[in-house]
Amino acid sequence: MEQTESATPVLTAADRCDQCGARAWVKVTLNSGELLFCAHHANRHMESLRETAVTILDERHLLTED
């Protein structure tokens, strides 16, 4: 599994969490397709996602940048 953090945002405000519809900060690619997660749901599911994901794009660090 490859996990990356991007310095410049890839996800936009139009990208929405597949679970609740909030802004997505994490994109997970699985063998079956892609899922988008808000920070809350990414935090909740990250442990199991790391075990099954092909790639994870994590932009949650952009929430706390000045």
C-alpha atoms as a PDB file:
ATOM      1  CA  MET A   1       0.000   0.000   0.000  1.00  0.00           C
ATOM      2  CA  GLU A   2       1.269   3.425  -0.918  1.00  0.00           C
ATOM      3  CA  GLN A   3       0.291   6.375   1.263  1.00  0.00           C
ATOM      4  CA  THR A   4       0.969   9.922   0.121  1.00  0.00           C
ATOM      5  CA  GLU A   5       0.429  13.418   1.421  1.00  0.00           C
ATOM      6  CA  SER A   6       0.289  16.115  -1.216  1.00  0.00           C
ATOM      7  CA  ALA A   7       1.831  19.548  -0.692  1.00  0.00           C
ATOM      8  CA  THR A   8      -0.691  21.083  -3.066  1.00  0.00           C
ATOM      9  CA  PRO A   9      -4.308  19.973  -2.781  1.00  0.00           C
ATOM     10  CA  VAL A  10      -5.585  17.344  -5.193  1.00  0.00           C
ATOM     11  CA  LEU A  11      -9.043  17.032  -3.665  1.00  0.00           C
ATOM     12  CA  THR A  12     -11.380  20.007  -3.982  1.00  0.00           C
ATOM     13  CA  ALA A  13     -14.450  21.250  -2.138  1.00  0.00           C
ATOM     14  CA  ALA A  14     -16.514  19.415  -4.758  1.00  0.00           C
ATOM     15  CA  ASP A  15     -15.115  16.061  -3.562  1.00  0.00           C
ATOM     16  CA  ARG A  16     -17.480  14.679  -0.930  1.00  0.00           C
ATOM     17  CA  CYS A  17     -17.251  11.900   1.645  1.00  0.00           C
ATOM     18  CA  ASP A  18     -18.962   8.740   0.413  1.00  0.00           C
ATOM     19  CA  GLN A  19     -20.258   8.067   3.916  1.00  0.00           C
ATOM     20  CA  CYS A  20     -21.713  11.416   5.029  1.00  0.00           C
ATOM     21  CA  GLY A  21     -21.359  13.977   2.224  1.00  0.00           C
ATOM     22  CA  ALA A  22     -18.928  16.306   4.043  1.00  0.00           C
ATOM     23  CA  ARG A  23     -15.840  17.606   2.238  1.00  0.00           C
ATOM     24  CA  ALA A  24     -13.431  14.775   1.440  1.00  0.00           C
ATOM     25  CA  TRP A  25      -9.842  14.985   2.679  1.00  0.00           C
ATOM     26  CA  VAL A  26      -8.791  11.395   1.948  1.00  0.00           C
ATOM     27  CA  LYS A  27      -9.042   9.370  -1.275  1.00  0.00           C
ATOM     28  CA  VAL A  28      -8.579   5.619  -0.948  1.00  0.00           C
ATOM     29  CA  THR A  29      -8.046   3.393  -3.963  1.00  0.00           C
ATOM     30  CA  LEU A  30      -9.061  -0.223  -3.480  1.00  0.00           C
ATOM     31  CA  ASN A  31      -8.968  -3.072  -5.989  1.00  0.00           C
ATOM     32  CA  SER A  32     -12.708  -2.527  -6.448  1.00  0.00           C
ATOM     33  CA  GLY A  33     -12.569   1.277  -6.953  1.00  0.00           C
ATOM     34  CA  GLU A  34     -12.132   4.575  -5.109  1.00  0.00           C
ATOM     35  CA  LEU A  35     -13.664   5.862  -1.896  1.00  0.00           C
ATOM     36  CA  LEU A  36     -13.594   9.412  -0.522  1.00  0.00           C
ATOM     37  CA  PHE A  37     -13.650  10.180   3.200  1.00  0.00           C
ATOM     38  CA  CYS A  38     -14.018  13.283   5.341  1.00  0.00           C
ATOM     39  CA  ALA A  39     -11.436  13.638   8.123  1.00  0.00           C
ATOM     40  CA  HIS A  40     -13.811  12.174  10.715  1.00  0.00           C
ATOM     41  CA  HIS A  41     -14.578   9.005   8.766  1.00  0.00           C
ATOM     42  CA  ALA A  42     -10.966   8.635   7.603  1.00  0.00           C
ATOM     43  CA  ASN A  43      -9.879   8.701  11.248  1.00  0.00           C
ATOM     44  CA  ARG A  44     -12.517   6.115  12.118  1.00  0.00           C
ATOM     45  CA  HIS A  45     -11.614   3.676   9.314  1.00  0.00           C
ATOM     46  CA  MET A  46      -7.897   4.331   8.632  1.00  0.00           C
ATOM     47  CA  GLU A  47      -6.562   1.247  10.414  1.00  0.00           C
ATOM     48  CA  SER A  48      -8.592  -1.175   8.295  1.00  0.00           C
ATOM     49  CA  LEU A  49      -8.114   0.922   5.145  1.00  0.00           C
ATOM     50  CA  ARG A  50      -4.330   0.660   5.476  1.00  0.00           C
ATOM     51  CA  GLU A  51      -4.676  -3.131   5.402  1.00  0.00           C
ATOM     52  CA  THR A  52      -6.762  -3.245   2.200  1.00  0.00           C
ATOM     53  CA  ALA A  53      -5.956  -0.098   0.190  1.00  0.00           C
ATOM     54  CA  VAL A  54      -3.817  -0.006  -2.930  1.00  0.00           C
ATOM     55  CA  THR A  55      -3.131   3.719  -2.398  1.00  0.00           C
ATOM     56  CA  ILE A  56      -4.220   6.378   0.073  1.00  0.00           C
ATOM     57  CA  LEU A  57      -4.076  10.093  -0.697  1.00  0.00           C
ATOM     58  CA  ASP A  58      -4.278  11.855   2.665  1.00  0.00           C
ATOM     59  CA  GLU A  59      -4.764  15.630   2.708  1.00  0.00           C
ATOM     60  CA  ARG A  60      -5.925  15.952   6.321  1.00  0.00           C
ATOM     61  CA  HIS A  61      -2.722  17.855   7.119  1.00  0.00           C
ATOM     62  CA  LEU A  62      -4.142  20.763   5.080  1.00  0.00           C
ATOM     63  CA  LEU A  63      -6.802  21.247   7.768  1.00  0.00           C
ATOM     64  CA  THR A  64      -4.211  22.515  10.244  1.00  0.00           C
ATOM     65  CA  GLU A  65      -1.886  24.521   7.995  1.00  0.00           C
ATOM     66  CA  ASP A  66      -1.634  28.238   8.652  1.00  0.00           C
END
